[in-house]
N, C-alpha and C. Protein backbone atom coordinates (compact mmCIF):
# COMPACT_ATOMS: atom_id res chain seq x y z
N MET A 1 112.91 184.40 110.51
CA MET A 1 113.93 183.38 110.47
C MET A 1 114.19 182.83 111.87
N ILE A 2 114.22 183.68 112.88
CA ILE A 2 114.45 183.25 114.25
C ILE A 2 113.31 182.35 114.72
N ILE A 3 112.09 182.69 114.34
CA ILE A 3 110.93 181.88 114.73
C ILE A 3 111.04 180.49 114.13
N LEU A 4 111.38 180.40 112.84
CA LEU A 4 111.52 179.11 112.17
C LEU A 4 112.63 178.28 112.82
N ALA A 5 113.75 178.91 113.12
CA ALA A 5 114.85 178.20 113.77
C ALA A 5 114.43 177.70 115.15
N SER A 6 113.66 178.49 115.88
CA SER A 6 113.18 178.08 117.20
C SER A 6 112.25 176.88 117.10
N ILE A 7 111.36 176.90 116.13
CA ILE A 7 110.43 175.78 115.92
C ILE A 7 111.20 174.50 115.60
N ILE A 8 112.16 174.59 114.71
CA ILE A 8 112.95 173.42 114.33
C ILE A 8 113.74 172.90 115.52
N TYR A 9 114.39 173.82 116.25
CA TYR A 9 115.17 173.42 117.42
C TYR A 9 114.29 172.72 118.45
N PHE A 10 113.13 173.30 118.76
CA PHE A 10 112.22 172.72 119.74
C PHE A 10 111.74 171.35 119.28
N SER A 11 111.45 171.21 118.00
CA SER A 11 111.00 169.93 117.45
C SER A 11 112.05 168.85 117.65
N PHE A 12 113.32 169.17 117.37
CA PHE A 12 114.38 168.18 117.53
C PHE A 12 114.66 167.88 119.00
N LYS A 13 114.45 168.83 119.87
CA LYS A 13 114.71 168.63 121.30
C LYS A 13 113.63 167.79 121.97
N THR A 14 112.42 167.77 121.44
CA THR A 14 111.32 167.08 122.11
C THR A 14 110.85 165.83 121.40
N LYS A 15 111.31 165.55 120.22
CA LYS A 15 110.82 164.38 119.49
C LYS A 15 111.95 163.40 119.20
N VAL A 16 111.60 162.15 119.24
CA VAL A 16 112.49 161.08 118.80
C VAL A 16 111.68 160.31 117.78
N GLY A 17 111.88 160.61 116.51
CA GLY A 17 111.05 160.00 115.49
C GLY A 17 109.60 160.29 115.78
N ASN A 18 108.81 159.26 116.02
CA ASN A 18 107.39 159.42 116.29
C ASN A 18 107.06 159.36 117.77
N ILE A 19 108.06 159.32 118.63
CA ILE A 19 107.81 159.29 120.06
C ILE A 19 108.27 160.61 120.66
N ASN A 20 107.36 161.31 121.28
CA ASN A 20 107.67 162.57 121.92
C ASN A 20 108.44 162.27 123.21
N LYS A 21 109.59 162.89 123.40
CA LYS A 21 110.41 162.62 124.58
C LYS A 21 109.66 162.87 125.88
N LYS A 22 108.68 163.76 125.86
CA LYS A 22 107.91 164.05 127.06
C LYS A 22 107.03 162.86 127.47
N GLU A 23 106.73 161.98 126.51
CA GLU A 23 105.85 160.83 126.78
C GLU A 23 106.61 159.55 127.12
N ILE A 24 107.92 159.59 127.11
CA ILE A 24 108.72 158.39 127.37
C ILE A 24 108.56 157.97 128.83
N ILE A 25 108.25 156.71 129.03
CA ILE A 25 108.02 156.17 130.37
C ILE A 25 109.34 155.88 131.08
N ASP A 26 110.33 155.40 130.35
CA ASP A 26 111.60 154.96 130.93
C ASP A 26 112.68 156.04 130.82
N LYS A 27 112.37 157.24 131.22
CA LYS A 27 113.29 158.37 131.10
C LYS A 27 114.56 158.20 131.92
N ASP A 28 114.51 157.40 132.96
CA ASP A 28 115.64 157.27 133.88
C ASP A 28 116.71 156.28 133.44
N ILE A 29 116.57 155.66 132.29
CA ILE A 29 117.60 154.74 131.83
C ILE A 29 118.50 155.44 130.82
N SER A 30 119.63 154.85 130.53
CA SER A 30 120.62 155.49 129.65
C SER A 30 120.46 155.09 128.19
N PHE A 31 119.33 154.56 127.80
CA PHE A 31 119.11 154.12 126.42
C PHE A 31 119.24 155.29 125.45
N LYS A 32 119.89 155.04 124.33
CA LYS A 32 120.00 156.02 123.26
C LYS A 32 119.92 155.31 121.91
N PRO A 33 119.21 155.89 120.96
CA PRO A 33 119.28 155.36 119.60
C PRO A 33 120.69 155.56 119.05
N CYS A 34 121.06 154.77 118.06
CA CYS A 34 122.40 154.88 117.47
C CYS A 34 122.50 156.01 116.45
N SER A 35 121.37 156.39 115.88
CA SER A 35 121.39 157.46 114.88
C SER A 35 120.14 158.31 115.02
N SER A 36 120.06 159.35 114.22
CA SER A 36 118.88 160.21 114.26
C SER A 36 117.74 159.65 113.42
N THR A 37 118.01 158.61 112.65
CA THR A 37 116.97 157.98 111.83
C THR A 37 116.47 156.72 112.53
N ILE A 38 115.17 156.70 112.82
CA ILE A 38 114.55 155.53 113.42
C ILE A 38 113.49 155.04 112.43
N TYR A 39 113.69 153.85 111.91
CA TYR A 39 112.79 153.31 110.89
C TYR A 39 111.51 152.77 111.52
N GLN A 40 110.44 152.80 110.76
CA GLN A 40 109.19 152.19 111.20
C GLN A 40 109.35 150.67 111.17
N TYR A 41 108.69 149.99 112.08
CA TYR A 41 108.84 148.53 112.21
C TYR A 41 108.47 147.78 110.94
N TYR A 42 107.57 148.32 110.15
CA TYR A 42 107.10 147.62 108.95
C TYR A 42 108.01 147.86 107.75
N SER A 43 109.03 148.72 107.87
CA SER A 43 109.90 148.98 106.73
C SER A 43 111.32 148.42 106.94
N THR A 44 111.45 147.52 107.90
CA THR A 44 112.76 146.94 108.20
C THR A 44 112.57 145.51 108.69
N ASN A 45 113.65 144.77 108.76
CA ASN A 45 113.58 143.39 109.25
C ASN A 45 113.93 143.28 110.74
N VAL A 46 113.98 144.40 111.42
CA VAL A 46 114.28 144.41 112.84
C VAL A 46 113.12 143.78 113.61
N GLY A 47 113.43 143.01 114.62
CA GLY A 47 112.38 142.40 115.43
C GLY A 47 112.96 141.47 116.46
N TYR A 48 112.14 140.57 116.94
CA TYR A 48 112.57 139.59 117.93
C TYR A 48 112.99 138.32 117.20
N LYS A 49 114.10 137.73 117.60
CA LYS A 49 114.67 136.60 116.86
C LYS A 49 113.70 135.43 116.71
N THR A 50 112.93 135.13 117.73
CA THR A 50 111.96 134.03 117.62
C THR A 50 110.54 134.56 117.43
N GLU A 51 110.45 135.79 116.98
CA GLU A 51 109.20 136.46 116.62
C GLU A 51 108.17 136.42 117.74
N ARG A 52 106.90 136.42 117.40
CA ARG A 52 105.84 136.52 118.40
C ARG A 52 105.83 135.35 119.37
N TYR A 53 106.20 134.17 118.89
CA TYR A 53 106.24 133.00 119.77
C TYR A 53 107.20 133.26 120.94
N GLY A 54 108.39 133.74 120.62
CA GLY A 54 109.39 134.01 121.65
C GLY A 54 108.98 135.13 122.59
N ILE A 55 108.34 136.15 122.05
CA ILE A 55 107.85 137.25 122.89
C ILE A 55 106.83 136.72 123.88
N ARG A 56 105.86 135.97 123.40
CA ARG A 56 104.82 135.41 124.28
C ARG A 56 105.43 134.49 125.34
N LYS A 57 106.41 133.69 124.92
CA LYS A 57 107.03 132.74 125.85
C LYS A 57 107.67 133.46 127.04
N VAL A 58 108.28 134.61 126.80
CA VAL A 58 108.96 135.35 127.87
C VAL A 58 107.99 136.19 128.70
N ILE A 59 107.05 136.88 128.06
CA ILE A 59 106.26 137.87 128.80
C ILE A 59 104.84 137.46 129.13
N SER A 60 104.34 136.37 128.58
CA SER A 60 102.94 136.02 128.77
C SER A 60 102.56 135.83 130.24
N GLU A 61 103.31 135.01 130.95
CA GLU A 61 102.96 134.74 132.35
C GLU A 61 102.99 136.00 133.22
N PRO A 62 104.09 136.79 133.18
CA PRO A 62 104.08 137.99 134.02
C PRO A 62 103.03 139.03 133.60
N ILE A 63 102.74 139.12 132.31
CA ILE A 63 101.69 140.06 131.86
C ILE A 63 100.33 139.61 132.38
N HIS A 64 100.07 138.32 132.34
CA HIS A 64 98.78 137.80 132.83
C HIS A 64 98.61 138.03 134.33
N GLN A 65 99.68 138.17 135.07
CA GLN A 65 99.59 138.37 136.52
C GLN A 65 99.30 139.82 136.91
N LEU A 66 99.42 140.75 135.98
CA LEU A 66 99.15 142.17 136.28
C LEU A 66 97.66 142.42 136.46
N LYS A 67 97.34 143.43 137.24
CA LYS A 67 95.95 143.86 137.45
C LYS A 67 95.66 145.01 136.49
N PHE A 68 94.85 144.74 135.49
CA PHE A 68 94.49 145.74 134.49
C PHE A 68 93.15 146.38 134.83
N PRO A 69 92.92 147.62 134.36
CA PRO A 69 91.60 148.23 134.55
C PRO A 69 90.55 147.36 133.86
N ASN A 70 89.33 147.41 134.36
CA ASN A 70 88.26 146.58 133.81
C ASN A 70 87.68 147.22 132.55
N PHE A 71 88.34 146.95 131.42
CA PHE A 71 87.83 147.41 130.13
C PHE A 71 88.21 146.39 129.07
N SER A 72 87.55 146.48 127.94
CA SER A 72 87.87 145.64 126.80
C SER A 72 88.46 146.54 125.72
N GLY A 73 89.62 146.17 125.23
CA GLY A 73 90.30 146.98 124.22
C GLY A 73 91.75 146.55 124.10
N ASN A 74 92.59 147.48 123.65
CA ASN A 74 94.01 147.18 123.43
C ASN A 74 94.90 148.15 124.17
N ILE A 75 96.03 147.62 124.62
CA ILE A 75 97.11 148.44 125.14
C ILE A 75 98.25 148.31 124.15
N ASN A 76 98.67 149.44 123.58
CA ASN A 76 99.76 149.47 122.61
C ASN A 76 101.03 149.92 123.33
N VAL A 77 102.06 149.07 123.29
CA VAL A 77 103.35 149.39 123.87
C VAL A 77 104.31 149.61 122.71
N ARG A 78 104.75 150.85 122.55
CA ARG A 78 105.64 151.22 121.44
C ARG A 78 107.00 151.60 122.01
N PHE A 79 108.06 151.16 121.34
CA PHE A 79 109.42 151.44 121.82
C PHE A 79 110.39 151.37 120.66
N VAL A 80 111.65 151.66 120.96
CA VAL A 80 112.70 151.66 119.95
C VAL A 80 113.68 150.52 120.25
N ILE A 81 114.08 149.82 119.19
CA ILE A 81 115.17 148.85 119.25
C ILE A 81 116.36 149.55 118.59
N ASN A 82 117.48 149.68 119.30
CA ASN A 82 118.61 150.34 118.66
C ASN A 82 119.54 149.33 117.99
N CYS A 83 120.58 149.84 117.34
CA CYS A 83 121.49 148.98 116.58
C CYS A 83 122.30 148.05 117.47
N LYS A 84 122.28 148.27 118.78
CA LYS A 84 122.98 147.41 119.73
C LYS A 84 122.04 146.36 120.33
N ASN A 85 120.84 146.28 119.79
CA ASN A 85 119.80 145.35 120.26
C ASN A 85 119.33 145.66 121.67
N GLU A 86 119.37 146.93 122.03
CA GLU A 86 118.82 147.40 123.31
C GLU A 86 117.47 148.03 123.02
N ILE A 87 116.59 148.03 124.02
CA ILE A 87 115.27 148.63 123.83
C ILE A 87 115.05 149.74 124.85
N GLY A 88 114.27 150.74 124.42
CA GLY A 88 113.98 151.86 125.29
C GLY A 88 113.04 152.83 124.62
N TYR A 89 112.87 154.00 125.22
CA TYR A 89 111.94 155.05 124.75
C TYR A 89 110.52 154.48 124.66
N PHE A 90 110.05 153.89 125.74
CA PHE A 90 108.72 153.27 125.78
C PHE A 90 107.61 154.31 125.86
N LYS A 91 106.54 154.01 125.16
CA LYS A 91 105.33 154.83 125.18
C LYS A 91 104.15 153.87 125.17
N ILE A 92 103.16 154.12 126.01
CA ILE A 92 102.00 153.22 126.11
C ILE A 92 100.72 154.03 125.91
N LYS A 93 99.85 153.48 125.06
CA LYS A 93 98.52 154.05 124.86
C LYS A 93 97.50 152.93 124.96
N ALA A 94 96.37 153.23 125.56
CA ALA A 94 95.30 152.23 125.69
C ALA A 94 94.01 152.81 125.13
N ILE A 95 93.27 151.96 124.44
CA ILE A 95 91.96 152.35 123.90
C ILE A 95 90.96 151.24 124.18
N ASP A 96 89.69 151.64 124.31
CA ASP A 96 88.65 150.63 124.49
C ASP A 96 88.14 150.18 123.12
N GLN A 97 87.10 149.37 123.13
CA GLN A 97 86.56 148.83 121.88
C GLN A 97 85.94 149.91 120.99
N ASP A 98 85.62 151.07 121.57
CA ASP A 98 85.08 152.18 120.80
C ASP A 98 86.17 153.17 120.40
N TYR A 99 87.43 152.76 120.55
CA TYR A 99 88.60 153.57 120.21
C TYR A 99 88.70 154.84 121.05
N LYS A 100 88.16 154.81 122.25
CA LYS A 100 88.28 155.92 123.19
C LYS A 100 89.47 155.65 124.10
N LYS A 101 90.21 156.72 124.39
CA LYS A 101 91.41 156.59 125.23
C LYS A 101 91.04 156.11 126.63
N VAL A 102 91.85 155.20 127.14
CA VAL A 102 91.70 154.68 128.50
C VAL A 102 92.98 155.04 129.25
N GLU A 103 92.83 155.59 130.44
CA GLU A 103 94.00 155.95 131.25
C GLU A 103 94.55 154.71 131.96
N ILE A 104 95.84 154.55 131.86
CA ILE A 104 96.55 153.47 132.53
C ILE A 104 97.46 154.13 133.57
N SER A 105 97.44 153.65 134.79
CA SER A 105 98.23 154.28 135.86
C SER A 105 99.73 154.23 135.53
N ASP A 106 100.46 155.20 136.05
CA ASP A 106 101.92 155.22 135.86
C ASP A 106 102.56 153.95 136.41
N ASP A 107 102.05 153.48 137.54
CA ASP A 107 102.59 152.27 138.16
C ASP A 107 102.42 151.07 137.23
N LEU A 108 101.24 150.91 136.65
CA LEU A 108 101.00 149.79 135.73
C LEU A 108 101.86 149.93 134.48
N GLN A 109 102.00 151.14 133.96
CA GLN A 109 102.85 151.35 132.79
C GLN A 109 104.28 150.93 133.08
N LYS A 110 104.80 151.29 134.23
CA LYS A 110 106.17 150.92 134.60
C LYS A 110 106.33 149.42 134.75
N LYS A 111 105.29 148.75 135.26
CA LYS A 111 105.34 147.28 135.38
C LYS A 111 105.35 146.62 134.00
N ILE A 112 104.55 147.14 133.08
CA ILE A 112 104.52 146.60 131.71
C ILE A 112 105.90 146.77 131.07
N VAL A 113 106.47 147.95 131.19
CA VAL A 113 107.80 148.22 130.62
C VAL A 113 108.84 147.28 131.22
N ALA A 114 108.82 147.10 132.53
CA ALA A 114 109.79 146.21 133.19
C ALA A 114 109.69 144.78 132.66
N ILE A 115 108.48 144.33 132.39
CA ILE A 115 108.29 142.98 131.85
C ILE A 115 108.84 142.90 130.43
N ILE A 116 108.53 143.88 129.60
CA ILE A 116 108.99 143.85 128.21
C ILE A 116 110.52 144.00 128.15
N GLN A 117 111.11 144.69 129.09
CA GLN A 117 112.57 144.83 129.11
C GLN A 117 113.27 143.49 129.40
N GLN A 118 112.53 142.47 129.80
CA GLN A 118 113.09 141.14 129.99
C GLN A 118 113.40 140.47 128.65
N LEU A 119 112.83 140.99 127.56
CA LEU A 119 113.09 140.44 126.23
C LEU A 119 114.50 140.85 125.80
N LYS A 120 115.34 139.88 125.50
CA LYS A 120 116.75 140.15 125.22
C LYS A 120 117.20 139.75 123.82
N ASP A 121 116.41 139.01 123.07
CA ASP A 121 116.86 138.46 121.78
C ASP A 121 116.41 139.29 120.58
N TRP A 122 116.74 140.57 120.59
CA TRP A 122 116.38 141.46 119.47
C TRP A 122 117.43 141.36 118.38
N ASN A 123 117.02 141.59 117.16
CA ASN A 123 117.97 141.63 116.04
C ASN A 123 117.90 143.00 115.38
N GLY A 124 118.60 143.96 115.95
CA GLY A 124 118.60 145.34 115.48
C GLY A 124 119.24 145.55 114.13
N LYS A 125 120.07 144.64 113.70
CA LYS A 125 120.68 144.67 112.36
C LYS A 125 121.31 146.01 112.01
N ASP A 126 122.05 146.59 112.94
CA ASP A 126 122.79 147.83 112.70
C ASP A 126 121.93 149.02 112.32
N GLU A 127 120.68 149.02 112.75
CA GLU A 127 119.82 150.18 112.52
C GLU A 127 118.83 150.29 113.68
N ASP A 128 118.28 151.46 113.84
CA ASP A 128 117.28 151.70 114.87
C ASP A 128 115.90 151.56 114.26
N SER A 129 114.98 150.99 115.03
CA SER A 129 113.63 150.78 114.51
C SER A 129 112.62 150.86 115.65
N TYR A 130 111.44 151.34 115.31
CA TYR A 130 110.33 151.27 116.24
C TYR A 130 109.82 149.83 116.26
N TYR A 131 109.17 149.47 117.35
CA TYR A 131 108.54 148.17 117.46
C TYR A 131 107.34 148.35 118.38
N GLN A 132 106.38 147.49 118.26
CA GLN A 132 105.23 147.58 119.15
C GLN A 132 104.70 146.21 119.52
N ILE A 133 104.17 146.15 120.72
CA ILE A 133 103.53 144.94 121.22
C ILE A 133 102.14 145.36 121.68
N GLN A 134 101.14 144.59 121.27
CA GLN A 134 99.75 144.85 121.66
C GLN A 134 99.31 143.86 122.73
N ILE A 135 98.62 144.37 123.71
CA ILE A 135 98.01 143.51 124.73
C ILE A 135 96.51 143.70 124.59
N LYS A 136 95.83 142.63 124.21
CA LYS A 136 94.37 142.68 124.02
C LYS A 136 93.69 142.25 125.31
N LEU A 137 92.77 143.09 125.78
CA LEU A 137 92.05 142.81 127.02
C LEU A 137 90.56 142.62 126.75
N LYS A 138 89.96 141.76 127.56
CA LYS A 138 88.50 141.61 127.56
C LYS A 138 88.07 141.63 129.02
N ASN A 139 87.30 142.64 129.39
CA ASN A 139 86.86 142.83 130.77
C ASN A 139 88.02 142.81 131.76
N GLY A 140 89.14 143.46 131.36
CA GLY A 140 90.29 143.58 132.25
C GLY A 140 91.20 142.36 132.30
N LYS A 141 90.89 141.33 131.52
CA LYS A 141 91.71 140.10 131.48
C LYS A 141 92.44 140.03 130.16
N VAL A 142 93.70 139.58 130.21
CA VAL A 142 94.50 139.46 128.98
C VAL A 142 93.92 138.35 128.12
N GLU A 143 93.61 138.71 126.88
CA GLU A 143 93.08 137.75 125.92
C GLU A 143 94.14 137.33 124.89
N ASP A 144 95.06 138.25 124.56
CA ASP A 144 96.09 137.93 123.58
C ASP A 144 97.23 138.93 123.70
N ILE A 145 98.40 138.52 123.25
CA ILE A 145 99.57 139.38 123.15
C ILE A 145 100.08 139.21 121.74
N PHE A 146 100.16 140.31 121.01
CA PHE A 146 100.63 140.23 119.61
C PHE A 146 101.37 141.48 119.22
């Protein structure tokens, strides 16, 4: 019984829905979800008020100015939108065209997060939800943001 309780306790202490707290890039901010339930982005209407057009309008230019590693693939930026329309708990994963993991420097990850944090028109609708933005690269150059 003690072992089971320890496993459950450890699980709740290190996980936030599908994002492991150890992997959060923006640990130094005071962001908190409003509840212990964080919905998947595809099961709720939470998102950006002007959708992908508005996201691209705000972040496209600064994202294009970043120096990315020379690979072709996707960078997935996953985060939480809380019920107060704040964003945080960022996690970034990159893969090449063969679905192999690509390492992205901590410095570049922090720059990506800082750019995405410029997005202010979220509609959290009184619930917490995951959200993700994909950056598609071809030979280290941004090809699309979706």
